[in-house]
N, C-alpha and C. Protein backbone atom coordinates (compact mmCIF):
# COMPACT_ATOMS: atom_id res chain seq x y z
N UNK A 1 31.36 56.98 -141.86
CA UNK A 1 30.68 55.74 -141.54
C UNK A 1 29.87 55.91 -140.25
N UNK A 2 28.63 55.51 -140.29
CA UNK A 2 27.75 55.66 -139.14
C UNK A 2 28.03 54.58 -138.10
N UNK A 3 27.96 54.97 -136.85
CA UNK A 3 28.15 54.01 -135.76
C UNK A 3 26.82 53.66 -135.09
N UNK A 4 25.71 54.09 -135.71
CA UNK A 4 24.40 53.79 -135.15
C UNK A 4 24.19 52.28 -135.17
N UNK A 5 23.82 51.73 -134.04
CA UNK A 5 23.58 50.30 -133.95
C UNK A 5 24.83 49.46 -133.74
N UNK A 6 26.01 50.09 -133.71
CA UNK A 6 27.26 49.34 -133.62
C UNK A 6 27.36 48.58 -132.30
N UNK A 7 26.93 49.17 -131.18
CA UNK A 7 27.02 48.46 -129.90
C UNK A 7 26.11 47.23 -129.90
N UNK A 8 24.93 47.34 -130.53
CA UNK A 8 24.04 46.19 -130.63
C UNK A 8 24.68 45.09 -131.48
N UNK A 9 25.32 45.50 -132.57
CA UNK A 9 25.97 44.53 -133.46
C UNK A 9 27.14 43.85 -132.74
N UNK A 10 27.89 44.62 -131.96
CA UNK A 10 29.00 44.05 -131.19
C UNK A 10 28.47 43.00 -130.20
N UNK A 11 27.34 43.32 -129.55
CA UNK A 11 26.73 42.37 -128.62
C UNK A 11 26.28 41.11 -129.36
N UNK A 12 25.66 41.28 -130.52
CA UNK A 12 25.24 40.12 -131.31
C UNK A 12 26.44 39.26 -131.68
N UNK A 13 27.53 39.87 -132.07
CA UNK A 13 28.74 39.11 -132.43
C UNK A 13 29.27 38.31 -131.25
N UNK A 14 29.24 38.91 -130.04
CA UNK A 14 29.69 38.18 -128.85
C UNK A 14 28.78 37.00 -128.56
N UNK A 15 27.48 37.18 -128.72
CA UNK A 15 26.53 36.10 -128.46
C UNK A 15 26.70 34.98 -129.49
N UNK A 16 26.87 35.35 -130.74
CA UNK A 16 27.10 34.34 -131.78
C UNK A 16 28.38 33.57 -131.49
N UNK A 17 29.43 34.26 -131.09
CA UNK A 17 30.69 33.59 -130.76
C UNK A 17 30.50 32.63 -129.58
N UNK A 18 29.73 33.02 -128.58
CA UNK A 18 29.45 32.15 -127.44
C UNK A 18 28.76 30.86 -127.90
N UNK A 19 27.69 31.01 -128.68
CA UNK A 19 26.97 29.83 -129.15
C UNK A 19 27.83 28.96 -130.05
N UNK A 20 28.61 29.58 -130.94
CA UNK A 20 29.44 28.83 -131.89
C UNK A 20 30.65 28.19 -131.21
N UNK A 21 31.40 28.99 -130.46
CA UNK A 21 32.68 28.53 -129.93
C UNK A 21 32.57 27.75 -128.62
N UNK A 22 31.68 28.17 -127.74
CA UNK A 22 31.58 27.54 -126.43
C UNK A 22 30.53 26.43 -126.38
N UNK A 23 29.42 26.62 -127.11
CA UNK A 23 28.33 25.65 -127.04
C UNK A 23 28.28 24.70 -128.23
N UNK A 24 29.10 24.95 -129.25
CA UNK A 24 29.20 24.04 -130.39
C UNK A 24 28.09 24.16 -131.42
N UNK A 25 27.34 25.26 -131.43
CA UNK A 25 26.32 25.45 -132.45
C UNK A 25 26.98 25.71 -133.79
N UNK A 26 26.32 25.28 -134.86
CA UNK A 26 26.82 25.67 -136.18
C UNK A 26 26.19 27.01 -136.54
N UNK A 27 26.86 27.78 -137.36
CA UNK A 27 26.40 29.11 -137.73
C UNK A 27 25.75 29.05 -139.10
N UNK A 28 24.53 29.57 -139.19
CA UNK A 28 23.80 29.56 -140.46
C UNK A 28 23.98 30.86 -141.23
N UNK A 29 24.58 31.86 -140.61
CA UNK A 29 24.82 33.13 -141.29
C UNK A 29 23.75 34.16 -141.02
N UNK A 30 23.75 35.19 -141.84
CA UNK A 30 22.82 36.30 -141.69
C UNK A 30 21.57 36.02 -142.52
N UNK A 31 20.46 35.77 -141.84
CA UNK A 31 19.20 35.44 -142.51
C UNK A 31 18.22 36.60 -142.47
N UNK A 32 18.71 37.81 -142.26
CA UNK A 32 17.84 38.97 -142.12
C UNK A 32 16.95 39.15 -143.35
N UNK A 33 17.50 39.04 -144.54
CA UNK A 33 16.75 39.32 -145.76
C UNK A 33 16.58 38.10 -146.65
N UNK A 34 16.56 36.93 -146.10
CA UNK A 34 16.50 35.73 -146.93
C UNK A 34 15.07 35.33 -147.23
N UNK A 35 14.92 34.47 -148.22
CA UNK A 35 13.60 33.99 -148.62
C UNK A 35 13.18 32.74 -147.86
N UNK A 36 14.02 32.20 -147.02
CA UNK A 36 13.68 30.99 -146.28
C UNK A 36 14.39 29.79 -146.84
N UNK A 37 14.67 28.84 -145.98
CA UNK A 37 15.38 27.62 -146.36
C UNK A 37 14.63 26.87 -147.45
N UNK A 38 13.29 26.84 -147.34
CA UNK A 38 12.48 26.10 -148.28
C UNK A 38 11.80 27.00 -149.30
N UNK A 39 12.20 28.28 -149.37
CA UNK A 39 11.62 29.20 -150.34
C UNK A 39 10.30 29.81 -149.91
N UNK A 40 9.86 29.52 -148.69
CA UNK A 40 8.56 30.03 -148.24
C UNK A 40 8.69 31.24 -147.32
N UNK A 41 9.79 31.93 -147.35
CA UNK A 41 9.95 33.12 -146.54
C UNK A 41 10.58 32.83 -145.19
N UNK A 42 10.92 33.90 -144.51
CA UNK A 42 11.55 33.79 -143.20
C UNK A 42 10.51 33.35 -142.18
N UNK A 43 10.81 32.33 -141.42
CA UNK A 43 9.84 31.75 -140.49
C UNK A 43 10.53 31.32 -139.21
N UNK A 44 9.76 31.26 -138.14
CA UNK A 44 10.32 30.75 -136.89
C UNK A 44 10.36 29.22 -136.88
N UNK A 45 9.71 28.57 -137.83
CA UNK A 45 9.79 27.12 -138.00
C UNK A 45 10.45 26.87 -139.35
N UNK A 46 11.59 26.27 -139.33
CA UNK A 46 12.34 25.99 -140.55
C UNK A 46 12.04 24.56 -141.01
N UNK A 47 11.04 24.42 -141.86
CA UNK A 47 10.59 23.10 -142.31
C UNK A 47 11.73 22.27 -142.89
N UNK A 48 12.53 22.88 -143.74
CA UNK A 48 13.61 22.14 -144.39
C UNK A 48 14.62 21.59 -143.40
N UNK A 49 15.08 22.43 -142.50
CA UNK A 49 16.07 21.99 -141.51
C UNK A 49 15.48 20.97 -140.55
N UNK A 50 14.24 21.20 -140.11
CA UNK A 50 13.61 20.26 -139.18
C UNK A 50 13.33 18.92 -139.87
N UNK A 51 12.92 18.95 -141.12
CA UNK A 51 12.69 17.70 -141.87
C UNK A 51 13.95 16.87 -141.99
N UNK A 52 15.05 17.54 -142.29
CA UNK A 52 16.33 16.83 -142.41
C UNK A 52 16.70 16.19 -141.07
N UNK A 53 16.57 16.96 -139.99
CA UNK A 53 16.90 16.45 -138.66
C UNK A 53 16.01 15.25 -138.29
N UNK A 54 14.71 15.38 -138.50
CA UNK A 54 13.79 14.29 -138.12
C UNK A 54 14.02 13.05 -138.97
N UNK A 55 14.31 13.23 -140.25
CA UNK A 55 14.59 12.09 -141.12
C UNK A 55 15.87 11.38 -140.67
N UNK A 56 16.90 12.15 -140.33
CA UNK A 56 18.14 11.55 -139.82
C UNK A 56 17.91 10.85 -138.48
N UNK A 57 16.88 11.29 -137.75
CA UNK A 57 16.55 10.67 -136.47
C UNK A 57 15.75 9.38 -136.63
N UNK A 58 15.41 9.04 -137.87
CA UNK A 58 14.75 7.76 -138.13
C UNK A 58 13.25 7.82 -138.35
N UNK A 59 12.68 8.99 -138.47
CA UNK A 59 11.24 9.10 -138.70
C UNK A 59 10.93 9.00 -140.19
N UNK A 60 9.78 8.43 -140.50
CA UNK A 60 9.36 8.26 -141.90
C UNK A 60 8.89 9.61 -142.46
N UNK A 61 8.86 9.74 -143.78
CA UNK A 61 8.35 10.99 -144.38
C UNK A 61 6.92 11.32 -143.92
N UNK A 62 6.08 10.30 -143.75
CA UNK A 62 4.71 10.55 -143.30
C UNK A 62 4.70 11.09 -141.87
N UNK A 63 5.52 10.54 -141.01
CA UNK A 63 5.61 11.03 -139.63
C UNK A 63 6.13 12.47 -139.59
N UNK A 64 7.15 12.75 -140.39
CA UNK A 64 7.74 14.09 -140.44
C UNK A 64 6.69 15.09 -140.92
N UNK A 65 5.98 14.73 -141.98
CA UNK A 65 4.96 15.62 -142.53
C UNK A 65 3.86 15.93 -141.52
N UNK A 66 3.39 14.91 -140.84
CA UNK A 66 2.33 15.12 -139.85
C UNK A 66 2.82 15.93 -138.64
N UNK A 67 4.05 15.69 -138.22
CA UNK A 67 4.61 16.44 -137.10
C UNK A 67 4.76 17.92 -137.46
N UNK A 68 5.25 18.20 -138.67
CA UNK A 68 5.39 19.59 -139.11
C UNK A 68 4.03 20.26 -139.23
N UNK A 69 3.05 19.54 -139.74
CA UNK A 69 1.70 20.10 -139.86
C UNK A 69 1.15 20.46 -138.48
N UNK A 70 1.33 19.59 -137.52
CA UNK A 70 0.84 19.85 -136.17
C UNK A 70 1.58 21.03 -135.54
N UNK A 71 2.88 21.10 -135.76
CA UNK A 71 3.66 22.20 -135.22
C UNK A 71 3.19 23.54 -135.79
N UNK A 72 2.99 23.60 -137.09
CA UNK A 72 2.49 24.83 -137.72
C UNK A 72 1.09 25.18 -137.24
N UNK A 73 0.25 24.17 -137.08
CA UNK A 73 -1.12 24.40 -136.60
C UNK A 73 -1.11 25.02 -135.21
N UNK A 74 -0.29 24.49 -134.33
CA UNK A 74 -0.23 25.01 -132.96
C UNK A 74 0.43 26.39 -132.91
N UNK A 75 1.45 26.60 -133.72
CA UNK A 75 2.17 27.88 -133.69
C UNK A 75 1.34 29.02 -134.27
N UNK A 76 0.50 28.72 -135.23
CA UNK A 76 -0.23 29.78 -135.91
C UNK A 76 -1.73 29.76 -135.70
N UNK A 77 -2.19 29.18 -134.61
CA UNK A 77 -3.62 29.09 -134.36
C UNK A 77 -4.22 30.48 -134.17
N UNK A 78 -5.09 30.94 -135.08
CA UNK A 78 -5.63 32.29 -134.98
C UNK A 78 -6.71 32.44 -133.90
N UNK A 79 -7.17 31.33 -133.33
CA UNK A 79 -8.23 31.37 -132.32
C UNK A 79 -7.69 31.44 -130.90
N UNK A 80 -6.37 31.54 -130.76
CA UNK A 80 -5.74 31.63 -129.44
C UNK A 80 -4.82 32.83 -129.41
N UNK A 81 -4.45 33.21 -128.20
CA UNK A 81 -3.48 34.30 -128.04
C UNK A 81 -2.08 33.79 -128.37
N UNK A 82 -1.18 34.71 -128.59
CA UNK A 82 0.22 34.34 -128.84
C UNK A 82 0.77 33.56 -127.65
N UNK A 83 0.41 33.96 -126.46
CA UNK A 83 0.84 33.25 -125.25
C UNK A 83 0.39 31.79 -125.28
N UNK A 84 -0.88 31.55 -125.61
CA UNK A 84 -1.40 30.19 -125.65
C UNK A 84 -0.79 29.38 -126.79
N UNK A 85 -0.52 30.03 -127.93
CA UNK A 85 0.17 29.34 -129.02
C UNK A 85 1.58 28.93 -128.59
N UNK A 86 2.27 29.82 -127.88
CA UNK A 86 3.61 29.49 -127.39
C UNK A 86 3.58 28.33 -126.41
N UNK A 87 2.57 28.30 -125.54
CA UNK A 87 2.44 27.18 -124.60
C UNK A 87 2.23 25.87 -125.36
N UNK A 88 1.41 25.90 -126.40
CA UNK A 88 1.16 24.68 -127.18
C UNK A 88 2.42 24.21 -127.89
N UNK A 89 3.19 25.14 -128.44
CA UNK A 89 4.45 24.78 -129.11
C UNK A 89 5.44 24.24 -128.09
N UNK A 90 5.52 24.86 -126.93
CA UNK A 90 6.41 24.36 -125.88
C UNK A 90 6.05 22.92 -125.53
N UNK A 91 4.77 22.63 -125.42
CA UNK A 91 4.33 21.27 -125.09
C UNK A 91 4.82 20.27 -126.14
N UNK A 92 4.74 20.66 -127.42
CA UNK A 92 5.23 19.77 -128.49
C UNK A 92 6.74 19.60 -128.41
N UNK A 93 7.44 20.67 -128.11
CA UNK A 93 8.90 20.59 -127.98
C UNK A 93 9.31 19.73 -126.80
N UNK A 94 8.60 19.87 -125.70
CA UNK A 94 8.97 19.15 -124.47
C UNK A 94 8.51 17.70 -124.46
N UNK A 95 7.27 17.46 -124.92
CA UNK A 95 6.67 16.13 -124.78
C UNK A 95 6.50 15.39 -126.10
N UNK A 96 6.94 15.98 -127.21
CA UNK A 96 6.86 15.33 -128.50
C UNK A 96 5.51 15.54 -129.18
N UNK A 97 5.46 15.13 -130.44
CA UNK A 97 4.26 15.29 -131.26
C UNK A 97 3.67 13.90 -131.49
N UNK A 98 2.47 13.65 -130.96
CA UNK A 98 1.84 12.36 -131.23
C UNK A 98 1.31 12.33 -132.66
N UNK A 99 1.77 11.36 -133.45
CA UNK A 99 1.34 11.25 -134.84
C UNK A 99 0.94 9.82 -135.16
N UNK A 100 0.04 9.72 -136.09
CA UNK A 100 -0.40 8.44 -136.61
C UNK A 100 -0.12 8.48 -138.11
N UNK A 101 0.89 7.75 -138.57
CA UNK A 101 1.31 7.82 -139.96
C UNK A 101 0.27 7.27 -140.92
N UNK A 102 -0.50 6.30 -140.47
CA UNK A 102 -1.57 5.72 -141.30
C UNK A 102 -2.70 5.28 -140.38
N UNK A 103 -3.88 5.13 -140.94
CA UNK A 103 -5.07 4.80 -140.14
C UNK A 103 -4.92 3.49 -139.39
N UNK A 104 -4.21 2.53 -139.98
CA UNK A 104 -4.08 1.21 -139.35
C UNK A 104 -2.85 1.09 -138.44
N UNK A 105 -2.16 2.20 -138.18
CA UNK A 105 -0.96 2.18 -137.34
C UNK A 105 -1.25 2.80 -135.98
N UNK A 106 -0.44 2.44 -135.01
CA UNK A 106 -0.55 3.02 -133.68
C UNK A 106 0.04 4.43 -133.67
N UNK A 107 -0.41 5.23 -132.73
CA UNK A 107 0.13 6.58 -132.56
C UNK A 107 1.55 6.47 -131.99
N UNK A 108 2.46 7.20 -132.59
CA UNK A 108 3.84 7.24 -132.13
C UNK A 108 4.21 8.69 -131.83
N UNK A 109 5.19 8.88 -130.98
CA UNK A 109 5.65 10.22 -130.63
C UNK A 109 6.86 10.58 -131.48
N UNK A 110 6.76 11.70 -132.18
CA UNK A 110 7.89 12.26 -132.91
C UNK A 110 8.53 13.29 -132.00
N UNK A 111 9.76 13.04 -131.63
CA UNK A 111 10.49 13.92 -130.72
C UNK A 111 11.20 15.00 -131.52
N UNK A 112 10.78 16.25 -131.37
CA UNK A 112 11.42 17.36 -132.06
C UNK A 112 12.78 17.69 -131.44
N UNK A 113 12.92 17.36 -130.16
CA UNK A 113 14.18 17.54 -129.44
C UNK A 113 14.53 16.21 -128.79
N UNK A 114 15.77 15.79 -128.95
CA UNK A 114 16.22 14.55 -128.33
C UNK A 114 16.66 14.86 -126.90
N UNK A 115 15.73 14.65 -125.96
CA UNK A 115 16.01 14.97 -124.55
C UNK A 115 16.90 13.93 -123.90
N UNK A 116 16.88 12.70 -124.39
CA UNK A 116 17.69 11.63 -123.79
C UNK A 116 19.16 11.75 -124.15
N UNK A 117 19.43 12.25 -125.36
CA UNK A 117 20.81 12.40 -125.81
C UNK A 117 20.94 13.76 -126.50
N UNK A 118 21.09 14.83 -125.72
CA UNK A 118 21.11 16.18 -126.28
C UNK A 118 22.18 16.42 -127.34
N UNK A 119 23.27 15.68 -127.31
CA UNK A 119 24.34 15.87 -128.30
C UNK A 119 23.88 15.46 -129.70
N UNK A 120 22.81 14.71 -129.80
CA UNK A 120 22.30 14.27 -131.09
C UNK A 120 21.44 15.33 -131.78
N UNK A 121 21.11 16.41 -131.07
CA UNK A 121 20.31 17.48 -131.65
C UNK A 121 21.14 18.29 -132.63
N UNK A 122 20.46 18.98 -133.53
CA UNK A 122 21.12 19.83 -134.51
C UNK A 122 20.98 21.28 -134.05
N UNK A 123 21.98 21.77 -133.32
CA UNK A 123 21.94 23.13 -132.80
C UNK A 123 22.58 24.08 -133.79
N UNK A 124 21.88 25.18 -134.08
CA UNK A 124 22.39 26.17 -135.01
C UNK A 124 21.91 27.55 -134.57
N UNK A 125 22.63 28.56 -135.03
CA UNK A 125 22.25 29.95 -134.73
C UNK A 125 22.36 30.74 -136.03
N UNK A 126 21.42 31.67 -136.20
CA UNK A 126 21.47 32.56 -137.35
C UNK A 126 21.24 33.98 -136.87
N UNK A 127 21.49 34.91 -137.74
CA UNK A 127 21.26 36.31 -137.44
C UNK A 127 20.04 36.76 -138.22
N UNK A 128 19.01 37.17 -137.50
CA UNK A 128 17.80 37.67 -138.15
C UNK A 128 17.46 39.07 -137.70
N UNK A 129 18.20 39.58 -136.76
CA UNK A 129 17.88 40.90 -136.22
C UNK A 129 18.45 41.97 -137.14
N UNK A 130 17.67 42.99 -137.32
CA UNK A 130 18.11 44.11 -138.14
C UNK A 130 18.05 45.36 -137.29
N UNK A 131 19.19 45.99 -137.12
CA UNK A 131 19.24 47.23 -136.35
C UNK A 131 19.21 48.37 -137.35
N UNK A 132 18.13 49.12 -137.32
CA UNK A 132 17.98 50.24 -138.23
C UNK A 132 18.26 51.53 -137.48
N UNK A 133 18.73 52.53 -138.19
CA UNK A 133 18.91 53.82 -137.50
C UNK A 133 17.55 54.34 -137.04
N UNK A 134 17.53 55.08 -135.95
CA UNK A 134 16.25 55.61 -135.49
C UNK A 134 15.67 56.58 -136.51
N UNK A 135 14.37 56.61 -136.58
CA UNK A 135 13.69 57.51 -137.51
C UNK A 135 13.24 58.74 -136.71
N UNK A 136 13.65 59.89 -137.17
CA UNK A 136 13.26 61.12 -136.51
C UNK A 136 12.25 61.85 -137.40
N UNK A 137 11.09 62.07 -136.86
CA UNK A 137 10.07 62.80 -137.61
C UNK A 137 10.05 64.23 -137.15
N UNK A 138 9.91 65.10 -138.08
CA UNK A 138 9.88 66.52 -137.75
C UNK A 138 8.55 67.07 -138.19
N UNK A 139 7.85 67.63 -137.24
CA UNK A 139 6.54 68.19 -137.54
C UNK A 139 6.64 69.71 -137.57
N UNK A 140 5.97 70.34 -138.52
CA UNK A 140 6.02 71.81 -138.59
C UNK A 140 5.31 72.44 -137.40
């Protein structure tokens, strides 16, 4: 049995235990090779989980849809650097997503994180890291 990557895996297990046991996160399991919660592949934005959380927080389907659209737009903007995309996503996480559910309605803020009552957030951890053995190339 190979021990390559074992120390990294041991570290991951300790971190997962910290988040699960000490911080109260729920564990989603090993998502290294999964197709995604909503069938759209592995992503840093989990539409299905975020939709469930926002709906439970009292937002309408139209508000949830618009907030997710804005989040994806900011996260994947091809006209900005990764750094600037991250800053835009941070702003949405910190200050909320302004959405207008219908033309005749006022703009409301959809809070992706409940800053006033952090215990109401849905904290979870998954494993997506894959430790592969090093590849050694041999040239003649």
